[in-house]
C-alpha atoms as a PDB file:
ATOM      1  CA  UNK A   1       5.798  19.584   0.578  1.00  0.00           C
ATOM      2  CA  UNK A   2       4.287  19.200   4.041  1.00  0.00           C
ATOM      3  CA  UNK A   3       4.552  15.669   5.924  1.00  0.00           C
ATOM      4  CA  UNK A   4       1.537  13.744   5.368  1.00  0.00           C
ATOM      5  CA  UNK A   5      -0.363  13.750   8.550  1.00  0.00           C
ATOM      6  CA  UNK A   6      -1.961  10.482   9.461  1.00  0.00           C
ATOM      7  CA  UNK A   7      -4.680   9.717  12.390  1.00  0.00           C
ATOM      8  CA  UNK A   8      -4.170   6.741  14.400  1.00  0.00           C
ATOM      9  CA  UNK A   9      -7.866   5.682  14.708  1.00  0.00           C
ATOM     10  CA  UNK A  10      -7.272   2.136  15.869  1.00  0.00           C
ATOM     11  CA  UNK A  11      -5.523  -1.259  15.390  1.00  0.00           C
ATOM     12  CA  UNK A  12      -6.648  -3.381  12.655  1.00  0.00           C
ATOM     13  CA  UNK A  13      -4.614  -6.926  11.975  1.00  0.00           C
ATOM     14  CA  UNK A  14      -6.023  -8.670   9.237  1.00  0.00           C
ATOM     15  CA  UNK A  15      -4.257 -10.721   6.438  1.00  0.00           C
ATOM     16  CA  UNK A  16      -4.648 -10.975   2.630  1.00  0.00           C
ATOM     17  CA  UNK A  17      -4.899 -14.304   1.045  1.00  0.00           C
ATOM     18  CA  UNK A  18      -1.794 -14.249  -1.571  1.00  0.00           C
ATOM     19  CA  UNK A  19      -3.575 -17.659  -3.256  1.00  0.00           C
ATOM     20  CA  UNK A  20      -5.730 -15.487  -5.386  1.00  0.00           C
ATOM     21  CA  UNK A  21      -6.182 -17.464  -8.764  1.00  0.00           C
ATOM     22  CA  UNK A  22      -8.660 -14.752 -10.449  1.00  0.00           C
ATOM     23  CA  UNK A  23      -6.500 -11.632 -10.487  1.00  0.00           C
ATOM     24  CA  UNK A  24      -3.318 -11.533 -12.867  1.00  0.00           C
ATOM     25  CA  UNK A  25      -1.436  -8.255 -12.960  1.00  0.00           C
ATOM     26  CA  UNK A  26       1.147  -7.654 -15.720  1.00  0.00           C
ATOM     27  CA  UNK A  27       4.215  -6.652 -13.869  1.00  0.00           C
ATOM     28  CA  UNK A  28       7.992  -7.752 -14.629  1.00  0.00           C
ATOM     29  CA  UNK A  29       7.878 -11.158 -12.524  1.00  0.00           C
ATOM     30  CA  UNK A  30       4.602 -12.530 -14.444  1.00  0.00           C
ATOM     31  CA  UNK A  31       5.148 -14.087 -17.638  1.00  0.00           C
ATOM     32  CA  UNK A  32       4.745 -11.510 -21.035  1.00  0.00           C
ATOM     33  CA  UNK A  33       2.636 -14.367 -22.818  1.00  0.00           C
ATOM     34  CA  UNK A  34      -0.002 -13.769 -20.427  1.00  0.00           C
ATOM     35  CA  UNK A  35      -0.183 -10.105 -20.619  1.00  0.00           C
ATOM     36  CA  UNK A  36      -0.223  -9.969 -24.258  1.00  0.00           C
ATOM     37  CA  UNK A  37      -3.552  -9.876 -26.327  1.00  0.00           C
ATOM     38  CA  UNK A  38      -6.034 -12.358 -24.101  1.00  0.00           C
ATOM     39  CA  UNK A  39      -9.371 -13.455 -25.424  1.00  0.00           C
ATOM     40  CA  UNK A  40     -10.587 -14.702 -22.154  1.00  0.00           C
ATOM     41  CA  UNK A  41      -9.332 -12.186 -19.775  1.00  0.00           C
ATOM     42  CA  UNK A  42     -11.191  -8.807 -19.269  1.00  0.00           C
ATOM     43  CA  UNK A  43      -9.200  -5.618 -18.179  1.00  0.00           C
ATOM     44  CA  UNK A  44      -9.876  -3.247 -15.519  1.00  0.00           C
ATOM     45  CA  UNK A  45      -8.899   0.783 -16.342  1.00  0.00           C
ATOM     46  CA  UNK A  46      -8.658   3.142 -13.410  1.00  0.00           C
ATOM     47  CA  UNK A  47      -9.556   7.327 -13.600  1.00  0.00           C
ATOM     48  CA  UNK A  48      -9.041   9.654 -10.953  1.00  0.00           C
ATOM     49  CA  UNK A  49      -9.143  13.311 -11.192  1.00  0.00           C
ATOM     50  CA  UNK A  50      -7.103  14.443  -7.963  1.00  0.00           C
ATOM     51  CA  UNK A  51      -3.627  13.522  -6.415  1.00  0.00           C
ATOM     52  CA  UNK A  52      -5.851  11.856  -3.772  1.00  0.00           C
ATOM     53  CA  UNK A  53      -7.263   9.493  -6.163  1.00  0.00           C
ATOM     54  CA  UNK A  54      -4.358   8.679  -7.904  1.00  0.00           C
ATOM     55  CA  UNK A  55      -2.303   7.735  -4.883  1.00  0.00           C
ATOM     56  CA  UNK A  56      -4.945   5.858  -3.027  1.00  0.00           C
ATOM     57  CA  UNK A  57      -4.407   2.001  -2.938  1.00  0.00           C
ATOM     58  CA  UNK A  58      -6.230  -0.674  -4.847  1.00  0.00           C
ATOM     59  CA  UNK A  59      -7.430  -3.962  -3.759  1.00  0.00           C
ATOM     60  CA  UNK A  60      -8.974  -6.602  -5.751  1.00  0.00           C
ATOM     61  CA  UNK A  61     -11.170  -9.657  -4.498  1.00  0.00           C
ATOM     62  CA  UNK A  62      -8.994  -8.668  -1.139  1.00  0.00           C
ATOM     63  CA  UNK A  63      -5.550  -8.390  -2.937  1.00  0.00           C
ATOM     64  CA  UNK A  64      -3.906  -5.382  -2.920  1.00  0.00           C
ATOM     65  CA  UNK A  65      -2.686  -4.844  -6.253  1.00  0.00           C
ATOM     66  CA  UNK A  66      -0.664  -1.161  -6.044  1.00  0.00           C
ATOM     67  CA  UNK A  67      -1.862   2.424  -6.028  1.00  0.00           C
ATOM     68  CA  UNK A  68      -4.070   3.729  -8.806  1.00  0.00           C
ATOM     69  CA  UNK A  69      -2.116   5.657 -11.067  1.00  0.00           C
ATOM     70  CA  UNK A  70       0.500   3.246 -11.556  1.00  0.00           C
ATOM     71  CA  UNK A  71      -2.267   0.484 -12.825  1.00  0.00           C
ATOM     72  CA  UNK A  72      -1.676   0.890 -16.676  1.00  0.00           C
ATOM     73  CA  UNK A  73       0.796  -0.045 -19.272  1.00  0.00           C
ATOM     74  CA  UNK A  74       3.099  -3.087 -18.376  1.00  0.00           C
ATOM     75  CA  UNK A  75       1.088  -3.049 -15.023  1.00  0.00           C
ATOM     76  CA  UNK A  76      -2.617  -3.074 -16.311  1.00  0.00           C
ATOM     77  CA  UNK A  77      -5.167  -5.205 -14.420  1.00  0.00           C
ATOM     78  CA  UNK A  78      -6.526  -8.356 -16.169  1.00  0.00           C
ATOM     79  CA  UNK A  79      -9.051 -10.624 -14.519  1.00  0.00           C
ATOM     80  CA  UNK A  80     -10.978 -13.423 -15.216  1.00  0.00           C
ATOM     81  CA  UNK A  81     -14.562 -13.395 -16.357  1.00  0.00           C
ATOM     82  CA  UNK A  82     -16.963 -13.366 -13.585  1.00  0.00           C
ATOM     83  CA  UNK A  83     -18.093 -10.716 -10.533  1.00  0.00           C
ATOM     84  CA  UNK A  84     -15.050  -9.222  -8.736  1.00  0.00           C
ATOM     85  CA  UNK A  85     -15.133  -6.539  -5.578  1.00  0.00           C
ATOM     86  CA  UNK A  86     -12.784  -3.352  -5.971  1.00  0.00           C
ATOM     87  CA  UNK A  87     -11.945  -1.827  -2.993  1.00  0.00           C
ATOM     88  CA  UNK A  88      -9.923   2.066  -3.243  1.00  0.00           C
ATOM     89  CA  UNK A  89      -8.726   3.247  -0.041  1.00  0.00           C
ATOM     90  CA  UNK A  90      -6.838   6.488   1.175  1.00  0.00           C
ATOM     91  CA  UNK A  91      -5.936   7.529   4.667  1.00  0.00           C
ATOM     92  CA  UNK A  92      -8.438  10.201   5.741  1.00  0.00           C
ATOM     93  CA  UNK A  93     -11.175   9.042   3.359  1.00  0.00           C
ATOM     94  CA  UNK A  94     -13.727   6.783   3.132  1.00  0.00           C
ATOM     95  CA  UNK A  95     -13.304   3.632   1.047  1.00  0.00           C
ATOM     96  CA  UNK A  96     -14.416   3.293  -2.370  1.00  0.00           C
ATOM     97  CA  UNK A  97     -16.093   0.042  -3.512  1.00  0.00           C
ATOM     98  CA  UNK A  98     -17.476  -1.162  -6.482  1.00  0.00           C
ATOM     99  CA  UNK A  99     -18.608  -4.675  -8.067  1.00  0.00           C
ATOM    100  CA  UNK A 100     -17.537  -5.217 -11.457  1.00  0.00           C
ATOM    101  CA  UNK A 101     -18.964  -8.201 -13.993  1.00  0.00           C
ATOM    102  CA  UNK A 102     -16.237  -9.116 -16.249  1.00  0.00           C
ATOM    103  CA  UNK A 103     -16.827 -10.345 -19.798  1.00  0.00           C
ATOM    104  CA  UNK A 104     -14.558 -12.225 -21.896  1.00  0.00           C
ATOM    105  CA  UNK A 105     -12.079  -9.896 -23.775  1.00  0.00           C
ATOM    106  CA  UNK A 106     -14.081  -7.009 -22.320  1.00  0.00           C
ATOM    107  CA  UNK A 107     -12.444  -3.406 -20.820  1.00  0.00           C
ATOM    108  CA  UNK A 108     -14.102  -1.550 -18.256  1.00  0.00           C
ATOM    109  CA  UNK A 109     -13.128   1.760 -16.758  1.00  0.00           C
ATOM    110  CA  UNK A 110     -13.750   2.372 -13.011  1.00  0.00           C
ATOM    111  CA  UNK A 111     -13.925   6.035 -12.147  1.00  0.00           C
ATOM    112  CA  UNK A 112     -12.848   6.593  -8.913  1.00  0.00           C
ATOM    113  CA  UNK A 113     -14.013   9.478  -6.422  1.00  0.00           C
ATOM    114  CA  UNK A 114     -12.837   9.345  -2.995  1.00  0.00           C
ATOM    115  CA  UNK A 115     -15.099  11.540  -0.290  1.00  0.00           C
ATOM    116  CA  UNK A 116     -13.364  12.499   3.015  1.00  0.00           C
ATOM    117  CA  UNK A 117     -14.498  11.153   6.346  1.00  0.00           C
ATOM    118  CA  UNK A 118     -14.708  12.356   9.679  1.00  0.00           C
ATOM    119  CA  UNK A 119     -11.787  11.979  11.346  1.00  0.00           C
ATOM    120  CA  UNK A 120     -10.726  13.296  15.030  1.00  0.00           C
ATOM    121  CA  UNK A 121      -8.415  16.604  14.577  1.00  0.00           C
ATOM    122  CA  UNK A 122      -5.043  15.973  14.443  1.00  0.00           C
ATOM    123  CA  UNK A 123      -2.711  15.580  17.539  1.00  0.00           C
ATOM    124  CA  UNK A 124      -0.581  19.028  18.198  1.00  0.00           C
ATOM    125  CA  UNK A 125       2.239  16.791  19.368  1.00  0.00           C
ATOM    126  CA  UNK A 126       3.708  14.278  16.827  1.00  0.00           C
ATOM    127  CA  UNK A 127       6.953  12.109  15.926  1.00  0.00           C
ATOM    128  CA  UNK A 128       8.093  11.918  12.351  1.00  0.00           C
ATOM    129  CA  UNK A 129       8.550   8.898  10.190  1.00  0.00           C
ATOM    130  CA  UNK A 130      10.454   8.608   6.825  1.00  0.00           C
ATOM    131  CA  UNK A 131      10.294   5.845   4.670  1.00  0.00           C
ATOM    132  CA  UNK A 132      12.739   4.656   2.107  1.00  0.00           C
ATOM    133  CA  UNK A 133      12.092   1.237   0.855  1.00  0.00           C
ATOM    134  CA  UNK A 134      12.513  -0.051  -2.549  1.00  0.00           C
ATOM    135  CA  UNK A 135      10.213  -1.011  -4.507  1.00  0.00           C
ATOM    136  CA  UNK A 136       8.639   2.311  -3.661  1.00  0.00           C
ATOM    137  CA  UNK A 137       5.498   1.533  -4.976  1.00  0.00           C
ATOM    138  CA  UNK A 138       5.140  -0.806  -2.117  1.00  0.00           C
ATOM    139  CA  UNK A 139       1.826  -0.510   0.339  1.00  0.00           C
ATOM    140  CA  UNK A 140       2.584   1.477   3.717  1.00  0.00           C
ATOM    141  CA  UNK A 141       0.395   0.168   6.522  1.00  0.00           C
ATOM    142  CA  UNK A 142       0.432   1.853  10.208  1.00  0.00           C
ATOM    143  CA  UNK A 143      -1.216  -0.288  13.077  1.00  0.00           C
ATOM    144  CA  UNK A 144      -3.052  -2.279  10.236  1.00  0.00           C
ATOM    145  CA  UNK A 145      -4.552   1.147   8.213  1.00  0.00           C
ATOM    146  CA  UNK A 146      -3.266   1.378   4.630  1.00  0.00           C
ATOM    147  CA  UNK A 147      -1.938   5.397   4.993  1.00  0.00           C
ATOM    148  CA  UNK A 148      -0.079   5.488   1.314  1.00  0.00           C
ATOM    149  CA  UNK A 149       2.699   4.057  -0.658  1.00  0.00           C
ATOM    150  CA  UNK A 150       6.426   4.487  -0.161  1.00  0.00           C
ATOM    151  CA  UNK A 151       7.081   6.913  -2.382  1.00  0.00           C
ATOM    152  CA  UNK A 152       4.943   9.461  -0.492  1.00  0.00           C
ATOM    153  CA  UNK A 153       6.867   9.095   2.240  1.00  0.00           C
ATOM    154  CA  UNK A 154      10.525   9.475   1.187  1.00  0.00           C
ATOM    155  CA  UNK A 155      12.421  12.405   0.180  1.00  0.00           C
ATOM    156  CA  UNK A 156      12.962  16.298   1.351  1.00  0.00           C
ATOM    157  CA  UNK A 157       9.927  17.493   2.937  1.00  0.00           C
ATOM    158  CA  UNK A 158       8.046  14.120   3.104  1.00  0.00           C
ATOM    159  CA  UNK A 159       7.566  12.182   5.824  1.00  0.00           C
ATOM    160  CA  UNK A 160       4.664  10.424   8.185  1.00  0.00           C
ATOM    161  CA  UNK A 161       3.320  12.263  11.252  1.00  0.00           C
ATOM    162  CA  UNK A 162       2.361   9.819  14.080  1.00  0.00           C
ATOM    163  CA  UNK A 163       1.116   9.898  17.634  1.00  0.00           C
ATOM    164  CA  UNK A 164       4.482   9.509  20.370  1.00  0.00           C
ATOM    165  CA  UNK A 165       4.223   5.849  21.630  1.00  0.00           C
ATOM    166  CA  UNK A 166       4.334   2.407  20.191  1.00  0.00           C
ATOM    167  CA  UNK A 167       3.327   1.726  16.404  1.00  0.00           C
ATOM    168  CA  UNK A 168       3.664  -1.201  13.947  1.00  0.00           C
ATOM    169  CA  UNK A 169       4.587  -0.523  10.496  1.00  0.00           C
ATOM    170  CA  UNK A 170       4.296  -3.059   7.668  1.00  0.00           C
ATOM    171  CA  UNK A 171       5.231  -2.740   3.959  1.00  0.00           C
ATOM    172  CA  UNK A 172       3.782  -5.028   1.425  1.00  0.00           C
ATOM    173  CA  UNK A 173       3.881  -5.656  -2.387  1.00  0.00           C
ATOM    174  CA  UNK A 174       2.724  -8.680  -4.276  1.00  0.00           C
ATOM    175  CA  UNK A 175       5.638 -11.009  -4.827  1.00  0.00           C
ATOM    176  CA  UNK A 176       7.625  -9.739  -2.190  1.00  0.00           C
ATOM    177  CA  UNK A 177       7.661 -10.742   1.726  1.00  0.00           C
ATOM    178  CA  UNK A 178       5.934  -8.263   3.941  1.00  0.00           C
ATOM    179  CA  UNK A 179       8.517  -6.104   6.002  1.00  0.00           C
ATOM    180  CA  UNK A 180       7.112  -5.703   9.540  1.00  0.00           C
ATOM    181  CA  UNK A 181       8.747  -3.487  11.994  1.00  0.00           C
ATOM    182  CA  UNK A 182       7.986  -1.658  15.457  1.00  0.00           C
ATOM    183  CA  UNK A 183       8.641   1.829  16.509  1.00  0.00           C
ATOM    184  CA  UNK A 184       8.520   3.722  19.822  1.00  0.00           C
ATOM    185  CA  UNK A 185       8.907   7.504  18.649  1.00  0.00           C
ATOM    186  CA  UNK A 186       9.114  10.283  21.575  1.00  0.00           C
ATOM    187  CA  UNK A 187       7.563  13.641  20.665  1.00  0.00           C
ATOM    188  CA  UNK A 188       9.177  15.489  18.244  1.00  0.00           C
ATOM    189  CA  UNK A 189      11.352  12.367  17.164  1.00  0.00           C
ATOM    190  CA  UNK A 190      12.042  12.022  13.670  1.00  0.00           C
ATOM    191  CA  UNK A 191      12.828   7.927  12.828  1.00  0.00           C
ATOM    192  CA  UNK A 192      14.031   7.088   9.438  1.00  0.00           C
ATOM    193  CA  UNK A 193      13.425   3.386   7.933  1.00  0.00           C
ATOM    194  CA  UNK A 194      15.177   1.899   5.170  1.00  0.00           C
ATOM    195  CA  UNK A 195      15.480  -1.049   3.567  1.00  0.00           C
ATOM    196  CA  UNK A 196      14.809  -3.393   0.546  1.00  0.00           C
ATOM    197  CA  UNK A 197      11.739  -5.734   0.249  1.00  0.00           C
ATOM    198  CA  UNK A 198      12.879  -9.398  -0.389  1.00  0.00           C
ATOM    199  CA  UNK A 199      11.433 -11.438  -3.374  1.00  0.00           C
ATOM    200  CA  UNK A 200       9.354 -14.268  -2.036  1.00  0.00           C
ATOM    201  CA  UNK A 201      11.624 -17.270  -1.506  1.00  0.00           C
ATOM    202  CA  UNK A 202      14.835 -15.306  -1.202  1.00  0.00           C
ATOM    203  CA  UNK A 203      16.920 -14.882   1.802  1.00  0.00           C
ATOM    204  CA  UNK A 204      16.158 -11.768   4.421  1.00  0.00           C
ATOM    205  CA  UNK A 205      18.022  -8.555   4.351  1.00  0.00           C
ATOM    206  CA  UNK A 206      18.887  -6.313   7.164  1.00  0.00           C
ATOM    207  CA  UNK A 207      17.112  -2.816   6.795  1.00  0.00           C
ATOM    208  CA  UNK A 208      18.718   0.369   8.408  1.00  0.00           C
ATOM    209  CA  UNK A 209      17.574   2.778  10.697  1.00  0.00           C
ATOM    210  CA  UNK A 210      18.462   5.991  11.538  1.00  0.00           C
ATOM    211  CA  UNK A 211      17.064   8.639  14.074  1.00  0.00           C
ATOM    212  CA  UNK A 212      17.342  12.209  15.316  1.00  0.00           C
ATOM    213  CA  UNK A 213      16.349  14.008  18.465  1.00  0.00           C
ATOM    214  CA  UNK A 214      16.047  10.743  20.570  1.00  0.00           C
ATOM    215  CA  UNK A 215      16.496   7.042  20.411  1.00  0.00           C
ATOM    216  CA  UNK A 216      14.743   4.383  18.913  1.00  0.00           C
ATOM    217  CA  UNK A 217      15.424   0.753  17.375  1.00  0.00           C
ATOM    218  CA  UNK A 218      14.140  -0.771  14.166  1.00  0.00           C
ATOM    219  CA  UNK A 219      14.547  -4.329  13.756  1.00  0.00           C
ATOM    220  CA  UNK A 220      14.880  -6.685  10.929  1.00  0.00           C
ATOM    221  CA  UNK A 221      12.172  -7.774   8.668  1.00  0.00           C
ATOM    222  CA  UNK A 222      10.076 -10.717  10.027  1.00  0.00           C
ATOM    223  CA  UNK A 223      10.029 -12.355   6.999  1.00  0.00           C
ATOM    224  CA  UNK A 224       6.003 -12.910   7.303  1.00  0.00           C
ATOM    225  CA  UNK A 225       4.552 -13.684   3.629  1.00  0.00           C
ATOM    226  CA  UNK A 226       1.016 -11.904   4.409  1.00  0.00           C
ATOM    227  CA  UNK A 227      -0.112  -8.353   4.034  1.00  0.00           C
ATOM    228  CA  UNK A 228      -2.050  -6.463   6.229  1.00  0.00           C
ATOM    229  CA  UNK A 229      -5.499  -5.244   4.787  1.00  0.00           C
ATOM    230  CA  UNK A 230      -9.082  -3.721   5.881  1.00  0.00           C
ATOM    231  CA  UNK A 231     -11.660  -5.771   5.513  1.00  0.00           C
END
């Protein structure tokens, strides 16, 4: 599989509110009773036909919740009754946005269809960034732009292509401290970022870095508890 190319369209810096009371996702750190049979909460199920849709990131009311194909089973999305805004994003595609009105005990299906956006042609001169972060379902942001989840940029034959120069990489997942780092690769350089996200309230850990055909420095996580997002 060829490395995934990312067009650096600009710098977008924003934050996602983590005090979102209207959203509950059934994950390992949520009390199981909350995620059981609940007559008050409504449920959202996502459908996507292609690999593009299935690997797209999902935001609900401004909160990143994961990539589309994982939001089922133990990670199904439960919402309080009322209106909610769903946004689905993928690098190189137009944002998919839909408003839903949830009723108590209701189950709604959101069929996601991503449309390619008009982007400038990719640069013929690039550097490659490989990312190994646990959990691998965490979202990856390049210069404030969502570009995918960690699993898309780790392993043999996978990587993120960037234009040589300074870039900000952020890796975020609800319930964990956001990992932020700066890189400054030269042409044809390979940069590897390896770390584990730290759960909220835990001490920071030291990431590891490795480079080939050049030198770069990957500093430790900042411990910033907010995640970048696109409005």
